[in-house]
Amino acid sequence: MAKQGKAWMLDTAKRPKSDLPGTLKDEVDTKAGELIEKTLKPRHVKPPPEGSQFNYVTDITTKWIGSTCYFISIYACPGPNAIAPTFEEKFARMEYVGDSKFALSFMRHTGKWVALFNGLSVDECLKAIQDDPWFQP
């Protein structure tokens, strides 16, 4: 029987992510909360339309999973055939990449994240979420 030779393989394991400093997390929470309350909610959260059976935004919030901050819109389902009265959709993602910088992504209609920016500061990320049409709830 012939002896098999060795072959090189790509390492497909995920790289360890940088730990998010607690002070930076607090800064993101504070500034994101201000952005949501002063800009995003007045722009996107409206009173429910009368007699409509379509979903509508009732709230916008953030959620941390590891070192990634997600912006989430909460929708109401007023129709009689609704499976649940509300559901959540993530629409923006700030992923910590180290050195107080973030990669900013939006959720595409296909359910896949698309990274638009890499290496942005907290203020640059929040400005893009406020002004860029890709980051709409």
C-alpha atoms as a PDB file:
ATOM      1  CA  MET A   1       0.000   0.000   0.000  1.00  0.00           C
ATOM      2  CA  ALA A   2       1.335   3.446  -0.957  1.00  0.00           C
ATOM      3  CA  LYS A   3       2.044   5.989   1.728  1.00  0.00           C
ATOM      4  CA  GLN A   4       0.020   9.227   1.429  1.00  0.00           C
ATOM      5  CA  GLY A   5       1.904  12.512   1.365  1.00  0.00           C
ATOM      6  CA  LYS A   6       1.191  15.430   3.633  1.00  0.00           C
ATOM      7  CA  ALA A   7      -0.744  18.422   2.316  1.00  0.00           C
ATOM      8  CA  TRP A   8      -1.119  22.015   3.442  1.00  0.00           C
ATOM      9  CA  MET A   9      -4.558  23.079   4.619  1.00  0.00           C
ATOM     10  CA  LEU A  10      -6.026  26.516   5.200  1.00  0.00           C
ATOM     11  CA  ASP A  11      -6.814  27.372   8.796  1.00  0.00           C
ATOM     12  CA  THR A  12     -10.554  28.138   8.729  1.00  0.00           C
ATOM     13  CA  ALA A  13     -10.903  28.657  12.475  1.00  0.00           C
ATOM     14  CA  LYS A  14     -12.229  32.031  13.525  1.00  0.00           C
ATOM     15  CA  ARG A  15      -9.685  34.479  14.830  1.00  0.00           C
ATOM     16  CA  PRO A  16     -10.090  35.572  18.444  1.00  0.00           C
ATOM     17  CA  LYS A  17     -11.716  38.968  18.713  1.00  0.00           C
ATOM     18  CA  SER A  18     -10.351  41.810  20.762  1.00  0.00           C
ATOM     19  CA  ASP A  19     -11.878  42.371  24.171  1.00  0.00           C
ATOM     20  CA  LEU A  20     -14.045  45.452  24.349  1.00  0.00           C
ATOM     21  CA  PRO A  21     -12.971  47.839  27.142  1.00  0.00           C
ATOM     22  CA  GLY A  22     -15.803  48.584  29.590  1.00  0.00           C
ATOM     23  CA  THR A  23     -15.357  52.337  29.231  1.00  0.00           C
ATOM     24  CA  LEU A  24     -15.777  52.099  25.447  1.00  0.00           C
ATOM     25  CA  LYS A  25     -18.914  49.985  25.878  1.00  0.00           C
ATOM     26  CA  ASP A  26     -20.357  52.605  28.252  1.00  0.00           C
ATOM     27  CA  GLU A  27     -19.510  55.348  25.733  1.00  0.00           C
ATOM     28  CA  VAL A  28     -21.288  53.461  22.929  1.00  0.00           C
ATOM     29  CA  ASP A  29     -24.333  52.836  25.157  1.00  0.00           C
ATOM     30  CA  THR A  30     -24.592  56.506  26.135  1.00  0.00           C
ATOM     31  CA  LYS A  31     -24.115  57.957  22.648  1.00  0.00           C
ATOM     32  CA  ALA A  32     -26.294  55.324  20.956  1.00  0.00           C
ATOM     33  CA  GLY A  33     -29.070  55.978  23.476  1.00  0.00           C
ATOM     34  CA  GLU A  34     -28.923  59.698  22.681  1.00  0.00           C
ATOM     35  CA  LEU A  35     -29.008  58.996  18.936  1.00  0.00           C
ATOM     36  CA  ILE A  36     -32.006  56.708  19.329  1.00  0.00           C
ATOM     37  CA  GLU A  37     -33.994  59.082  21.554  1.00  0.00           C
ATOM     38  CA  LYS A  38     -33.215  62.331  19.717  1.00  0.00           C
ATOM     39  CA  THR A  39     -33.092  61.221  16.072  1.00  0.00           C
ATOM     40  CA  LEU A  40     -34.126  57.672  15.234  1.00  0.00           C
ATOM     41  CA  LYS A  41     -37.310  57.385  17.305  1.00  0.00           C
ATOM     42  CA  PRO A  42     -38.777  60.739  16.201  1.00  0.00           C
ATOM     43  CA  ARG A  43     -37.973  59.861  12.581  1.00  0.00           C
ATOM     44  CA  HIS A  44     -39.195  56.240  12.490  1.00  0.00           C
ATOM     45  CA  VAL A  45     -41.565  55.545  15.405  1.00  0.00           C
ATOM     46  CA  LYS A  46     -44.976  56.906  14.447  1.00  0.00           C
ATOM     47  CA  PRO A  47     -48.468  56.396  15.928  1.00  0.00           C
ATOM     48  CA  PRO A  48     -50.145  53.238  14.623  1.00  0.00           C
ATOM     49  CA  PRO A  49     -52.084  53.778  11.411  1.00  0.00           C
ATOM     50  CA  GLU A  50     -55.836  53.389  11.876  1.00  0.00           C
ATOM     51  CA  GLY A  51     -57.412  50.271  10.426  1.00  0.00           C
ATOM     52  CA  SER A  52     -54.121  49.015   8.984  1.00  0.00           C
ATOM     53  CA  GLN A  53     -53.020  45.396   9.190  1.00  0.00           C
ATOM     54  CA  PHE A  54     -49.425  46.121   8.230  1.00  0.00           C
ATOM     55  CA  ASN A  55     -46.453  45.932  10.585  1.00  0.00           C
ATOM     56  CA  TYR A  56     -45.110  49.190  11.983  1.00  0.00           C
ATOM     57  CA  VAL A  57     -42.126  50.244  14.150  1.00  0.00           C
ATOM     58  CA  THR A  58     -42.959  50.702  17.831  1.00  0.00           C
ATOM     59  CA  ASP A  59     -39.473  51.016  19.371  1.00  0.00           C
ATOM     60  CA  ILE A  60     -35.745  51.122  18.599  1.00  0.00           C
ATOM     61  CA  THR A  61     -33.114  49.795  20.984  1.00  0.00           C
ATOM     62  CA  THR A  62     -29.592  48.349  21.178  1.00  0.00           C
ATOM     63  CA  LYS A  63     -28.316  44.975  22.330  1.00  0.00           C
ATOM     64  CA  TRP A  64     -24.791  43.733  22.998  1.00  0.00           C
ATOM     65  CA  ILE A  65     -23.730  40.235  22.023  1.00  0.00           C
ATOM     66  CA  GLY A  66     -20.094  39.814  22.971  1.00  0.00           C
ATOM     67  CA  SER A  67     -18.139  42.762  21.579  1.00  0.00           C
ATOM     68  CA  THR A  68     -20.778  43.594  18.963  1.00  0.00           C
ATOM     69  CA  CYS A  69     -23.519  46.205  19.375  1.00  0.00           C
ATOM     70  CA  TYR A  70     -26.721  45.651  17.384  1.00  0.00           C
ATOM     71  CA  PHE A  71     -29.337  48.309  16.641  1.00  0.00           C
ATOM     72  CA  ILE A  72     -32.761  46.675  16.760  1.00  0.00           C
ATOM     73  CA  SER A  73     -36.182  47.868  15.623  1.00  0.00           C
ATOM     74  CA  ILE A  74     -39.256  46.386  17.296  1.00  0.00           C
ATOM     75  CA  TYR A  75     -42.340  45.985  15.109  1.00  0.00           C
ATOM     76  CA  ALA A  76     -45.987  45.475  16.041  1.00  0.00           C
ATOM     77  CA  CYS A  77     -48.122  42.999  14.100  1.00  0.00           C
ATOM     78  CA  PRO A  78     -51.733  44.257  14.292  1.00  0.00           C
ATOM     79  CA  GLY A  79     -53.340  41.782  11.890  1.00  0.00           C
ATOM     80  CA  PRO A  80     -55.692  39.046  13.129  1.00  0.00           C
ATOM     81  CA  ASN A  81     -53.482  36.311  11.653  1.00  0.00           C
ATOM     82  CA  ALA A  82     -50.278  37.466  13.363  1.00  0.00           C
ATOM     83  CA  ILE A  83     -48.176  34.693  14.860  1.00  0.00           C
ATOM     84  CA  ALA A  84     -46.876  37.024  17.589  1.00  0.00           C
ATOM     85  CA  PRO A  85     -47.889  40.548  18.627  1.00  0.00           C
ATOM     86  CA  THR A  86     -44.344  41.893  18.074  1.00  0.00           C
ATOM     87  CA  PHE A  87     -41.019  40.913  16.518  1.00  0.00           C
ATOM     88  CA  GLU A  88     -37.481  42.323  16.411  1.00  0.00           C
ATOM     89  CA  GLU A  89     -35.236  43.029  13.420  1.00  0.00           C
ATOM     90  CA  LYS A  90     -31.573  43.981  13.580  1.00  0.00           C
ATOM     91  CA  PHE A  91     -30.731  46.768  11.150  1.00  0.00           C
ATOM     92  CA  ALA A  92     -27.186  47.898  12.044  1.00  0.00           C
ATOM     93  CA  ARG A  93     -24.145  46.222  13.603  1.00  0.00           C
ATOM     94  CA  MET A  94     -21.086  47.817  15.213  1.00  0.00           C
ATOM     95  CA  GLU A  95     -18.435  45.107  15.564  1.00  0.00           C
ATOM     96  CA  TYR A  96     -15.380  45.962  17.678  1.00  0.00           C
ATOM     97  CA  VAL A  97     -12.131  45.443  15.741  1.00  0.00           C
ATOM     98  CA  GLY A  98      -9.655  46.833  18.287  1.00  0.00           C
ATOM     99  CA  ASP A  99      -7.961  50.142  19.068  1.00  0.00           C
ATOM    100  CA  SER A 100     -11.351  51.826  19.805  1.00  0.00           C
ATOM    101  CA  LYS A 101     -12.501  51.180  16.208  1.00  0.00           C
ATOM    102  CA  PHE A 102     -15.566  49.411  14.839  1.00  0.00           C
ATOM    103  CA  ALA A 103     -16.665  47.730  11.616  1.00  0.00           C
ATOM    104  CA  LEU A 104     -20.124  48.985  10.636  1.00  0.00           C
ATOM    105  CA  SER A 105     -22.555  46.708   8.775  1.00  0.00           C
ATOM    106  CA  PHE A 106     -26.201  46.757   7.708  1.00  0.00           C
ATOM    107  CA  MET A 107     -28.684  43.903   7.405  1.00  0.00           C
ATOM    108  CA  ARG A 108     -29.574  43.177   3.806  1.00  0.00           C
ATOM    109  CA  HIS A 109     -33.041  41.998   2.771  1.00  0.00           C
ATOM    110  CA  THR A 110     -31.546  38.526   2.281  1.00  0.00           C
ATOM    111  CA  GLY A 111     -30.719  38.250   5.991  1.00  0.00           C
ATOM    112  CA  LYS A 112     -26.969  38.659   5.423  1.00  0.00           C
ATOM    113  CA  TRP A 113     -24.795  41.348   6.992  1.00  0.00           C
ATOM    114  CA  VAL A 114     -22.972  43.664   4.588  1.00  0.00           C
ATOM    115  CA  ALA A 115     -19.934  45.504   5.963  1.00  0.00           C
ATOM    116  CA  LEU A 116     -19.790  49.057   4.605  1.00  0.00           C
ATOM    117  CA  PHE A 117     -17.129  50.605   6.808  1.00  0.00           C
ATOM    118  CA  ASN A 118     -14.146  49.285   8.718  1.00  0.00           C
ATOM    119  CA  GLY A 119     -12.085  51.064  11.357  1.00  0.00           C
ATOM    120  CA  LEU A 120     -14.547  53.823  12.293  1.00  0.00           C
ATOM    121  CA  SER A 121     -14.671  55.556  15.665  1.00  0.00           C
ATOM    122  CA  VAL A 122     -17.836  55.506  17.785  1.00  0.00           C
ATOM    123  CA  ASP A 123     -18.852  58.987  16.612  1.00  0.00           C
ATOM    124  CA  GLU A 124     -18.250  58.123  12.944  1.00  0.00           C
ATOM    125  CA  CYS A 125     -20.372  54.960  13.259  1.00  0.00           C
ATOM    126  CA  LEU A 126     -23.255  56.784  14.902  1.00  0.00           C
ATOM    127  CA  LYS A 127     -23.095  59.598  12.327  1.00  0.00           C
ATOM    128  CA  ALA A 128     -23.306  56.999   9.528  1.00  0.00           C
ATOM    129  CA  ILE A 129     -26.268  55.262  11.222  1.00  0.00           C
ATOM    130  CA  GLN A 130     -28.008  58.635  11.509  1.00  0.00           C
ATOM    131  CA  ASP A 131     -27.380  59.897   7.971  1.00  0.00           C
ATOM    132  CA  ASP A 132     -26.725  56.919   5.684  1.00  0.00           C
ATOM    133  CA  PRO A 133     -29.853  55.418   4.064  1.00  0.00           C
ATOM    134  CA  TRP A 134     -28.427  51.880   4.381  1.00  0.00           C
ATOM    135  CA  PHE A 135     -29.070  51.967   8.147  1.00  0.00           C
ATOM    136  CA  GLN A 136     -32.852  52.376   8.228  1.00  0.00           C
ATOM    137  CA  PRO A 137     -35.006  50.360  10.625  1.00  0.00           C
END
